[in-house]
């Protein structure tokens, strides 16, 4: 399996190189040069597998055994997923009137990011130890990614993690998962801006190939292919669990499953789109909050950023730059890298792209969308509690709103992805008039000391933030070279 850039400037890279890269050198995103196809026979063979076993099967299609032998892969995956709080790592919950919730939030930071992040960090550590080298992770986060990266990588001797989060735009629990980690390899910045603002200086840093090479700079947000690769698994798991495939007759077509995904940076929906390309009959629905660029793109062909990022009750998807849509466009447009390059460079320069009519038709036939207000989030949380005594997090409520407002064919099963625990959003739960007992691990965060640095909003904030981060990267590298602790 080899990898290429969606913008055509890179071909023939192996998994290790892609893992340590983030964005491709030409600014594009890495994708497999070929997408494996899963037949009905393979799916039936997989139907009895646990989630960790399924991760191994999926990952082995994209990681050649010459790079990570299968037995090593099993050990890495098992180690990565051993700390989750439910036996099978993820679980399905069947509620009233066919409301099926796939809970993806049972990791250390109570968010679905832990699934891909823990495995990806184990892969990184495997190669770093094998090659006796170091790397530096640089992550901008809208809430959950930063905490997951920190908790997965804390204490690793070959990996430093630099995280930038939008101050005041995430919940206290999300923030505490980051700022209470005092390990010497963790470096946290609170920025006075949105997650999309944070992406601007980070893109500049990653575009500096000399800087990237010198510091072993890489990304661990869903730009990184490994994160997307692991996320393929929960779509396949959902299909095997909920579609009714195992009850269908062998000679009949595979039954369809509708999967509804709360969507921000579009990494999760991109993973679902890839699984659809692999042959699973998924009907994908991307649900967004007031930051509705994906909805406008699918509905009207208007892929244009709003003037500002709106703060909502679902902060992890308060995003106006759904960068993983580039992967979807590349697949949708039959891997036409030149076309994708022109589209995405126009979007990055002007923050706007109007889809051609035929491109819009292709997208709208493949993906459905909807948008939910804050009041819609609260209404959905209340209704789900009243009918099921089940508390949804606000992001999951963005998806579940679809269940209550969009009638569907009862012959087609539906699945709603629960991307975070309600424990992370206590203020919103109280605003909805609900009660949720916080886990002891979350309560304990209030007692821990914290450490972080501020990135203040200046007249030239983008350049100032970039320079502050450059200085940090240089200082950290110097400390590692001299084999001394960075923090006294």
Protein backbone atom coordinates (compact mmCIF):
# COMPACT_ATOMS: atom_id res chain seq x y z
CA UNK A 1 0.00 0.00 0.00
CA UNK A 2 1.41 3.37 -1.10
CA UNK A 3 0.09 6.87 -0.49
CA UNK A 4 -0.28 10.04 -2.55
CA UNK A 5 -1.33 13.64 -2.02
CA UNK A 6 -4.81 14.83 -2.98
CA UNK A 7 -3.07 17.67 -4.85
CA UNK A 8 -0.87 15.43 -7.00
CA UNK A 9 2.59 16.54 -5.89
CA UNK A 10 3.50 13.40 -3.96
CA UNK A 11 3.20 9.71 -4.89
CA UNK A 12 4.57 6.43 -3.62
CA UNK A 13 5.03 7.30 0.06
CA UNK A 14 4.80 4.48 2.60
CA UNK A 15 2.74 4.44 5.81
CA UNK A 16 5.64 5.43 8.05
CA UNK A 17 6.39 8.58 6.06
CA UNK A 18 2.72 9.51 5.92
CA UNK A 19 2.30 8.88 9.66
CA UNK A 20 5.06 11.38 10.46
CA UNK A 21 3.91 14.06 8.03
CA UNK A 22 0.45 15.52 8.54
CA UNK A 23 -0.10 17.67 5.44
CA UNK A 24 1.72 16.59 2.28
CA UNK A 25 4.59 18.84 1.12
CA UNK A 26 2.35 20.25 -1.65
CA UNK A 27 -0.29 21.31 0.91
CA UNK A 28 -2.61 18.41 0.14
CA UNK A 29 -3.75 15.51 2.29
CA UNK A 30 -2.48 11.96 2.10
CA UNK A 31 -4.71 9.20 0.80
CA UNK A 32 -4.08 5.57 -0.20
CA UNK A 33 -3.30 5.23 -3.90
CA UNK A 34 -5.90 2.44 -4.02
CA UNK A 35 -8.91 1.80 -1.78
CA UNK A 36 -9.41 -1.86 -0.75
CA UNK A 37 -12.85 -3.33 -1.45
CA UNK A 38 -14.67 -5.39 1.19
CA UNK A 39 -16.94 -8.10 -0.13
CA UNK A 40 -19.91 -9.72 1.61
CA UNK A 41 -17.87 -12.81 2.44
CA UNK A 42 -15.20 -10.78 4.26
CA UNK A 43 -17.82 -8.81 6.16
CA UNK A 44 -19.52 -12.01 7.30
CA UNK A 45 -16.16 -13.38 8.48
CA UNK A 46 -15.63 -10.19 10.46
CA UNK A 47 -19.10 -10.17 12.03
CA UNK A 48 -18.01 -11.94 15.22
CA UNK A 49 -14.90 -9.86 15.86
CA UNK A 50 -14.47 -7.52 18.81
CA UNK A 51 -13.73 -3.87 18.07
CA UNK A 52 -9.96 -4.22 18.77
CA UNK A 53 -9.79 -7.29 16.51
CA UNK A 54 -11.58 -5.33 13.80
CA UNK A 55 -9.09 -2.47 14.15
CA UNK A 56 -6.26 -4.94 13.46
CA UNK A 57 -8.02 -6.25 10.34
CA UNK A 58 -8.67 -2.74 9.02
CA UNK A 59 -5.21 -1.39 9.83
CA UNK A 60 -3.49 -4.38 8.24
CA UNK A 61 -5.04 -3.43 4.89
CA UNK A 62 -3.23 -0.08 4.99
CA UNK A 63 -0.01 -0.91 6.91
CA UNK A 64 2.22 -3.45 5.14
CA UNK A 65 3.56 -6.20 7.40
CA UNK A 66 7.09 -5.22 6.34
CA UNK A 67 6.59 -1.99 8.31
CA UNK A 68 4.63 -3.38 11.27
CA UNK A 69 4.39 -7.18 11.42
CA UNK A 70 0.88 -8.40 12.19
CA UNK A 71 1.80 -9.75 15.62
CA UNK A 72 3.34 -6.39 16.56
CA UNK A 73 0.24 -4.64 15.20
CA UNK A 74 -1.98 -6.75 17.47
CA UNK A 75 0.11 -5.85 20.51
CA UNK A 76 0.10 -2.13 19.66
CA UNK A 77 -3.66 -2.00 19.13
CA UNK A 78 -4.39 -4.02 22.27
CA UNK A 79 -2.12 -1.77 24.31
CA UNK A 80 -3.67 1.37 22.85
CA UNK A 81 -7.24 0.30 23.58
CA UNK A 82 -6.68 -1.38 26.94
CA UNK A 83 -7.56 1.68 29.02
CA UNK A 84 -11.11 2.18 27.74
CA UNK A 85 -13.90 1.95 30.30
CA UNK A 86 -16.17 -0.57 28.52
CA UNK A 87 -15.09 -4.13 27.65
CA UNK A 88 -15.39 -3.83 23.87
CA UNK A 89 -14.03 -0.23 23.73
CA UNK A 90 -17.18 1.09 21.99
CA UNK A 91 -20.81 0.03 22.40
CA UNK A 92 -24.25 0.41 20.85
CA UNK A 93 -27.27 1.57 22.83
CA UNK A 94 -30.75 0.84 21.47
CA UNK A 95 -33.30 3.47 22.48
CA UNK A 96 -36.97 4.12 21.72
CA UNK A 97 -38.32 4.17 18.14
CA UNK A 98 -35.15 2.84 16.53
CA UNK A 99 -32.78 5.45 17.95
CA UNK A 100 -29.47 3.53 17.88
CA UNK A 101 -26.50 5.30 19.46
CA UNK A 102 -22.92 4.17 18.85
CA UNK A 103 -20.95 5.36 21.90
CA UNK A 104 -17.40 6.23 20.88
CA UNK A 105 -16.40 8.15 24.00
CA UNK A 106 -15.12 5.63 26.54
CA UNK A 107 -11.43 6.60 26.39
CA UNK A 108 -9.42 8.73 28.82
CA UNK A 109 -10.66 12.09 27.51
CA UNK A 110 -14.25 10.94 26.97
CA UNK A 111 -14.28 11.68 23.23
CA UNK A 112 -14.16 9.64 20.03
CA UNK A 113 -10.75 11.17 19.22
CA UNK A 114 -9.25 8.72 21.75
CA UNK A 115 -9.97 5.80 19.38
CA UNK A 116 -7.72 6.99 16.57
CA UNK A 117 -5.31 8.95 18.73
CA UNK A 118 -4.25 6.16 21.10
CA UNK A 119 -3.50 3.81 18.20
CA UNK A 120 -1.73 6.48 16.17
CA UNK A 121 0.52 7.45 19.08
CA UNK A 122 1.42 3.77 19.62
CA UNK A 123 2.39 3.53 15.93
CA UNK A 124 4.54 6.66 16.29
CA UNK A 125 6.25 5.37 19.41
CA UNK A 126 6.89 2.02 17.71
CA UNK A 127 8.83 3.67 14.87
CA UNK A 128 10.57 6.23 17.11
CA UNK A 129 11.93 3.49 19.36
CA UNK A 130 12.86 1.31 16.40
CA UNK A 131 14.70 4.14 14.63
CA UNK A 132 16.03 5.78 17.82
CA UNK A 133 14.79 9.23 16.82
CA UNK A 134 12.43 11.99 18.04
CA UNK A 135 9.40 13.86 16.71
CA UNK A 136 7.39 16.93 17.68
CA UNK A 137 3.62 16.99 17.35
CA UNK A 138 1.96 20.36 16.67
CA UNK A 139 -1.82 20.36 17.10
CA UNK A 140 -4.52 23.00 16.86
CA UNK A 141 -7.69 21.86 18.58
CA UNK A 142 -11.36 22.85 18.69
CA UNK A 143 -11.75 21.04 21.99
CA UNK A 144 -11.19 17.29 22.02
CA UNK A 145 -8.19 16.59 19.77
CA UNK A 146 -5.68 18.42 21.97
CA UNK A 147 -6.65 16.62 25.16
CA UNK A 148 -6.62 13.27 23.42
CA UNK A 149 -3.16 13.89 21.91
CA UNK A 150 -1.81 14.96 25.30
CA UNK A 151 -3.26 12.07 27.26
CA UNK A 152 -2.11 9.54 24.64
CA UNK A 153 1.46 10.86 24.39
CA UNK A 154 2.26 12.16 27.88
CA UNK A 155 5.54 10.86 29.25
CA UNK A 156 6.81 9.37 25.99
CA UNK A 157 10.52 10.06 25.78
CA UNK A 158 10.71 10.37 22.00
CA UNK A 159 7.73 12.65 21.42
CA UNK A 160 6.98 16.27 22.35
CA UNK A 161 3.42 17.59 21.96
CA UNK A 162 2.60 21.27 21.37
CA UNK A 163 -1.13 22.02 21.55
CA UNK A 164 -2.93 25.31 20.84
CA UNK A 165 -6.56 25.69 21.93
CA UNK A 166 -9.08 28.57 21.63
CA UNK A 167 -9.42 30.14 25.07
CA UNK A 168 -13.03 30.57 26.22
CA UNK A 169 -14.41 28.49 23.33
CA UNK A 170 -14.12 25.05 24.92
CA UNK A 171 -15.60 23.55 28.06
CA UNK A 172 -13.79 23.48 31.42
CA UNK A 173 -13.38 19.69 31.23
CA UNK A 174 -11.88 19.88 27.74
CA UNK A 175 -9.48 22.57 28.95
CA UNK A 176 -8.50 20.68 32.10
CA UNK A 177 -7.67 17.54 30.12
CA UNK A 178 -4.94 19.69 28.51
CA UNK A 179 -3.65 22.18 31.06
CA UNK A 180 -3.41 19.77 34.01
CA UNK A 181 -0.87 17.55 32.27
CA UNK A 182 2.53 18.59 33.67
CA UNK A 183 4.71 16.02 31.90
CA UNK A 184 7.91 17.53 30.48
CA UNK A 185 6.96 16.60 26.90
CA UNK A 186 3.63 18.50 26.95
CA UNK A 187 3.41 22.19 25.91
CA UNK A 188 0.00 23.93 25.92
CA UNK A 189 -0.98 27.35 24.55
CA UNK A 190 -4.31 29.18 25.03
CA UNK A 191 -5.02 31.45 22.05
CA UNK A 192 -7.38 34.42 21.93
CA UNK A 193 -9.23 33.32 18.79
CA UNK A 194 -11.15 30.53 17.13
CA UNK A 195 -9.87 27.11 16.09
CA UNK A 196 -9.84 28.33 12.48
CA UNK A 197 -7.66 31.30 13.56
CA UNK A 198 -5.25 28.82 15.15
CA UNK A 199 -5.02 26.84 11.91
CA UNK A 200 -3.50 29.84 10.05
CA UNK A 201 -0.10 30.05 11.82
CA UNK A 202 0.02 26.26 12.06
CA UNK A 203 -0.32 25.96 8.28
CA UNK A 204 2.55 28.45 7.89
CA UNK A 205 4.74 26.38 10.17
CA UNK A 206 3.97 23.14 8.36
CA UNK A 207 4.66 24.83 5.01
CA UNK A 208 8.24 25.53 6.17
CA UNK A 209 9.85 22.27 5.09
CA UNK A 210 13.20 23.12 6.67
CA UNK A 211 11.46 23.66 10.03
CA UNK A 212 9.46 20.45 9.60
CA UNK A 213 12.56 18.42 8.85
CA UNK A 214 14.73 19.93 11.60
CA UNK A 215 12.19 19.43 14.41
CA UNK A 216 10.56 16.26 13.08
CA UNK A 217 7.36 18.31 13.02
CA UNK A 218 4.10 16.45 12.45
CA UNK A 219 0.37 16.73 13.04
CA UNK A 220 -1.96 14.57 15.11
CA UNK A 221 -5.27 16.14 14.17
CA UNK A 222 -7.41 14.44 11.55
CA UNK A 223 -5.10 15.72 8.82
CA UNK A 224 -3.04 12.68 9.80
CA UNK A 225 -4.08 9.68 7.71
CA UNK A 226 -3.59 7.23 10.59
CA UNK A 227 -6.38 8.93 12.56
CA UNK A 228 -8.76 8.58 9.62
CA UNK A 229 -7.67 4.97 9.03
CA UNK A 230 -8.60 3.92 12.57
CA UNK A 231 -11.93 5.78 12.29
CA UNK A 232 -12.88 3.56 9.36
CA UNK A 233 -13.32 0.79 11.91
CA UNK A 234 -16.26 2.18 13.82
CA UNK A 235 -18.25 2.61 10.62
CA UNK A 236 -17.59 -1.02 9.74
CA UNK A 237 -18.37 -2.06 13.33
CA UNK A 238 -21.66 -0.14 13.21
CA UNK A 239 -22.56 -1.81 9.94
CA UNK A 240 -21.87 -5.30 11.26
CA UNK A 241 -23.79 -4.60 14.48
CA UNK A 242 -26.82 -2.71 13.22
CA UNK A 243 -27.48 -3.25 9.50
CA UNK A 244 -29.03 -6.70 9.85
CA UNK A 245 -26.44 -8.06 7.41
CA UNK A 246 -25.90 -11.27 9.36
CA UNK A 247 -29.62 -12.10 9.07
CA UNK A 248 -29.84 -11.41 5.34
CA UNK A 249 -29.67 -14.21 2.79
CA UNK A 250 -26.33 -14.76 1.05
CA UNK A 251 -27.62 -14.21 -2.48
CA UNK A 252 -29.35 -10.90 -1.70
CA UNK A 253 -27.72 -7.45 -1.85
CA UNK A 254 -26.25 -6.21 1.40
CA UNK A 255 -28.73 -4.11 3.42
CA UNK A 256 -28.19 -0.37 3.72
CA UNK A 257 -27.30 1.42 6.97
CA UNK A 258 -27.77 5.14 7.49
CA UNK A 259 -25.04 6.68 9.66
CA UNK A 260 -25.58 10.18 11.05
CA UNK A 261 -22.43 12.06 12.04
CA UNK A 262 -21.99 15.36 13.94
CA UNK A 263 -19.54 17.19 11.68
CA UNK A 264 -16.91 19.91 12.11
CA UNK A 265 -13.51 19.30 10.50
CA UNK A 266 -15.15 16.47 8.51
CA UNK A 267 -12.64 13.77 9.49
CA UNK A 268 -15.31 11.40 10.74
CA UNK A 269 -17.59 11.87 7.75
CA UNK A 270 -14.55 11.46 5.45
CA UNK A 271 -13.86 8.10 7.12
CA UNK A 272 -17.46 7.08 6.48
CA UNK A 273 -17.11 8.17 2.85
CA UNK A 274 -14.00 6.00 2.44
CA UNK A 275 -15.83 3.01 3.96
CA UNK A 276 -18.61 3.62 1.43
CA UNK A 277 -15.95 3.53 -1.31
CA UNK A 278 -14.79 0.21 0.14
CA UNK A 279 -18.15 -1.28 -0.77
CA UNK A 280 -20.34 -0.93 2.31
CA UNK A 281 -23.83 0.38 1.44
CA UNK A 282 -23.83 3.33 3.81
CA UNK A 283 -26.13 6.31 3.58
CA UNK A 284 -24.17 9.16 5.17
CA UNK A 285 -25.68 12.19 6.87
CA UNK A 286 -23.44 15.04 8.08
CA UNK A 287 -25.15 17.16 10.73
CA UNK A 288 -23.69 20.55 11.65
CA UNK A 289 -24.40 23.38 14.06
CA UNK A 290 -24.61 27.07 13.10
CA UNK A 291 -21.16 26.74 11.47
CA UNK A 292 -22.86 25.28 8.43
CA UNK A 293 -20.35 25.39 5.57
CA UNK A 294 -20.67 21.63 4.92
CA UNK A 295 -24.47 21.93 4.84
CA UNK A 296 -24.35 24.92 2.45
CA UNK A 297 -21.83 23.13 0.25
CA UNK A 298 -23.98 20.01 -0.08
CA UNK A 299 -27.32 21.82 -0.34
CA UNK A 300 -26.43 24.83 -2.49
CA UNK A 301 -22.93 24.18 -3.81
CA UNK A 302 -21.73 27.16 -1.74
CA UNK A 303 -18.48 26.14 -0.08
CA UNK A 304 -17.81 29.52 1.51
CA UNK A 305 -16.58 30.40 4.99
CA UNK A 306 -18.77 32.65 7.09
CA UNK A 307 -17.17 35.88 8.29
CA UNK A 308 -16.76 34.52 11.82
CA UNK A 309 -16.85 31.19 13.62
CA UNK A 310 -20.05 31.12 15.67
CA UNK A 311 -19.74 29.88 19.25
CA UNK A 312 -22.37 27.22 19.89
CA UNK A 313 -23.31 24.64 22.52
CA UNK A 314 -21.39 22.06 20.45
CA UNK A 315 -17.93 23.69 20.51
CA UNK A 316 -15.86 20.83 19.08
CA UNK A 317 -17.61 21.34 15.73
CA UNK A 318 -17.41 25.15 15.74
CA UNK A 319 -15.36 25.03 12.55
CA UNK A 320 -15.62 26.95 9.27
CA UNK A 321 -12.72 25.17 7.54
CA UNK A 322 -13.78 21.50 7.20
CA UNK A 323 -10.38 20.52 5.83
CA UNK A 324 -11.15 16.81 5.43
CA UNK A 325 -13.69 17.67 2.73
CA UNK A 326 -10.60 17.75 0.50
CA UNK A 327 -10.37 13.96 0.84
CA UNK A 328 -14.05 13.59 -0.08
CA UNK A 329 -13.69 15.88 -3.10
CA UNK A 330 -10.65 13.89 -4.28
CA UNK A 331 -12.56 10.61 -4.16
CA UNK A 332 -15.74 12.12 -5.55
CA UNK A 333 -13.91 13.67 -8.51
CA UNK A 334 -12.19 10.38 -9.39
CA UNK A 335 -8.79 11.37 -7.94
CA UNK A 336 -8.41 14.41 -10.24
CA UNK A 337 -5.58 15.98 -8.23
CA UNK A 338 -5.16 19.02 -10.48
CA UNK A 339 -8.82 19.88 -10.10
CA UNK A 340 -8.74 19.37 -6.32
CA UNK A 341 -5.57 21.49 -6.08
CA UNK A 342 -7.24 24.39 -7.88
CA UNK A 343 -10.41 24.08 -5.77
CA UNK A 344 -8.65 23.98 -2.43
CA UNK A 345 -6.08 26.67 -3.21
CA UNK A 346 -8.92 28.96 -4.28
CA UNK A 347 -10.74 28.16 -1.04
CA UNK A 348 -7.65 28.78 1.09
CA UNK A 349 -6.90 32.09 -0.65
CA UNK A 350 -10.43 33.53 -0.91
CA UNK A 351 -12.18 31.43 1.79
CA UNK A 352 -14.72 30.67 -0.90
CA UNK A 353 -15.44 28.15 -3.62
CA UNK A 354 -18.66 27.72 -5.58
CA UNK A 355 -18.96 24.12 -6.76
CA UNK A 356 -19.52 23.52 -10.45
CA UNK A 357 -23.03 22.21 -11.15
CA UNK A 358 -21.91 18.65 -11.91
CA UNK A 359 -19.65 18.60 -8.83
CA UNK A 360 -22.52 19.81 -6.68
CA UNK A 361 -24.79 17.08 -8.04
CA UNK A 362 -22.18 14.40 -7.30
CA UNK A 363 -21.77 15.65 -3.73
CA UNK A 364 -25.48 16.02 -2.96
CA UNK A 365 -26.21 12.51 -4.30
CA UNK A 366 -23.58 11.02 -1.99
CA UNK A 367 -24.04 13.02 1.20
CA UNK A 368 -27.05 14.39 3.05
CA UNK A 369 -26.80 17.20 5.60
CA UNK A 370 -28.74 19.20 8.13
CA UNK A 371 -28.08 22.12 10.46
CA UNK A 372 -29.16 22.48 14.09
CA UNK A 373 -29.53 25.59 16.26
CA UNK A 374 -28.57 25.77 19.92
CA UNK A 375 -32.25 25.59 20.81
CA UNK A 376 -32.53 22.49 18.63
CA UNK A 377 -29.64 20.93 20.57
CA UNK A 378 -31.36 21.60 23.91
CA UNK A 379 -34.72 20.37 22.64
CA UNK A 380 -33.14 17.12 21.42
CA UNK A 381 -31.34 16.55 24.72
CA UNK A 382 -34.60 17.08 26.65
CA UNK A 383 -36.65 14.84 24.39
CA UNK A 384 -34.12 12.01 24.45
CA UNK A 385 -34.10 12.15 28.26
CA UNK A 386 -37.89 12.27 28.53
CA UNK A 387 -38.33 9.27 26.24
CA UNK A 388 -35.29 7.19 27.23
CA UNK A 389 -33.73 8.57 30.44
CA UNK A 390 -30.54 8.85 28.38
CA UNK A 391 -28.38 12.00 28.37
CA UNK A 392 -26.84 13.07 25.07
CA UNK A 393 -23.81 15.32 24.80
CA UNK A 394 -24.57 18.44 22.69
CA UNK A 395 -22.58 17.11 19.70
CA UNK A 396 -24.46 13.82 19.72
CA UNK A 397 -27.66 15.87 20.01
CA UNK A 398 -26.72 17.63 16.74
CA UNK A 399 -26.83 14.18 15.12
CA UNK A 400 -29.88 12.89 17.03
CA UNK A 401 -31.94 15.97 16.06
CA UNK A 402 -32.13 14.24 12.69
CA UNK A 403 -33.93 11.26 14.28
CA UNK A 404 -36.74 13.43 15.60
CA UNK A 405 -37.19 15.65 12.53
CA UNK A 406 -36.41 13.52 9.47
CA UNK A 407 -38.77 10.55 8.92
CA UNK A 408 -37.19 7.61 7.14
CA UNK A 409 -37.87 4.23 5.65
CA UNK A 410 -38.15 1.81 8.62
CA UNK A 411 -36.58 -0.92 6.48
CA UNK A 412 -33.27 0.99 6.60
CA UNK A 413 -31.58 0.92 10.00
CA UNK A 414 -30.10 4.13 11.38
CA UNK A 415 -27.06 4.75 13.58
CA UNK A 416 -26.12 7.99 15.36
CA UNK A 417 -22.50 8.54 16.35
CA UNK A 418 -22.05 9.68 19.96
CA UNK A 419 -18.74 11.49 19.72
CA UNK A 420 -18.35 12.69 23.32
CA UNK A 421 -19.55 11.98 26.83
CA UNK A 422 -22.10 14.35 28.38
CA UNK A 423 -19.67 14.59 31.33
CA UNK A 424 -17.66 17.13 29.32
CA UNK A 425 -20.60 19.52 28.92
CA UNK A 426 -22.10 20.04 32.36
CA UNK A 427 -23.18 23.65 31.75
CA UNK A 428 -25.18 22.66 28.66
CA UNK A 429 -26.79 19.74 30.51
CA UNK A 430 -27.87 22.14 33.27
CA UNK A 431 -29.16 24.60 30.67
CA UNK A 432 -31.29 21.79 29.22
CA UNK A 433 -32.70 21.22 32.70
CA UNK A 434 -31.11 17.78 33.04
CA UNK A 435 -28.90 16.17 35.67
CA UNK A 436 -25.82 14.03 34.98
CA UNK A 437 -23.58 12.66 37.71
CA UNK A 438 -19.96 13.42 36.86
CA UNK A 439 -17.49 10.52 36.93
CA UNK A 440 -14.95 10.67 39.75
CA UNK A 441 -12.09 11.08 37.24
CA UNK A 442 -13.70 14.27 35.94
CA UNK A 443 -14.32 15.65 39.44
CA UNK A 444 -10.66 15.02 40.28
CA UNK A 445 -9.50 17.37 37.49
CA UNK A 446 -10.54 20.37 39.60
CA UNK A 447 -7.92 19.48 42.22
CA UNK A 448 -4.96 19.29 39.84
CA UNK A 449 -2.40 22.07 39.21
CA UNK A 450 -2.21 23.53 35.70
CA UNK A 451 0.38 24.86 33.24
CA UNK A 452 -0.11 26.72 29.95
CA UNK A 453 1.02 29.82 28.04
CA UNK A 454 -1.12 32.59 26.51
CA UNK A 455 -1.21 33.64 22.88
CA UNK A 456 -2.75 37.11 23.03
CA UNK A 457 -4.70 38.85 20.27
CA UNK A 458 -2.41 41.52 18.83
CA UNK A 459 -2.67 43.63 15.66
CA UNK A 460 -0.38 41.15 13.89
CA UNK A 461 -1.60 38.13 15.86
CA UNK A 462 -1.07 35.50 13.16
CA UNK A 463 2.62 36.35 12.74
CA UNK A 464 3.10 36.82 16.49
CA UNK A 465 1.60 33.40 17.28
CA UNK A 466 3.73 31.79 14.58
CA UNK A 467 6.91 33.32 16.02
CA UNK A 468 6.03 32.27 19.59
CA UNK A 469 5.47 28.70 18.45
CA UNK A 470 8.73 28.74 16.43
CA UNK A 471 10.61 29.84 19.53
CA UNK A 472 9.03 27.06 21.57
CA UNK A 473 9.93 24.44 18.98
CA UNK A 474 13.53 25.67 18.95
CA UNK A 475 13.78 25.76 22.76
CA UNK A 476 12.31 22.28 23.15
CA UNK A 477 14.66 20.85 20.51
CA UNK A 478 17.63 22.46 22.24
CA UNK A 479 16.63 20.95 25.59
CA UNK A 480 16.28 17.50 24.04
CA UNK A 481 19.64 17.84 22.29
CA UNK A 482 21.29 18.74 25.60
CA UNK A 483 19.34 15.99 27.40
CA UNK A 484 17.93 18.31 30.04
CA UNK A 485 14.38 18.86 31.25
CA UNK A 486 12.50 21.65 29.49
CA UNK A 487 10.54 22.66 32.58
CA UNK A 488 12.43 23.23 35.83
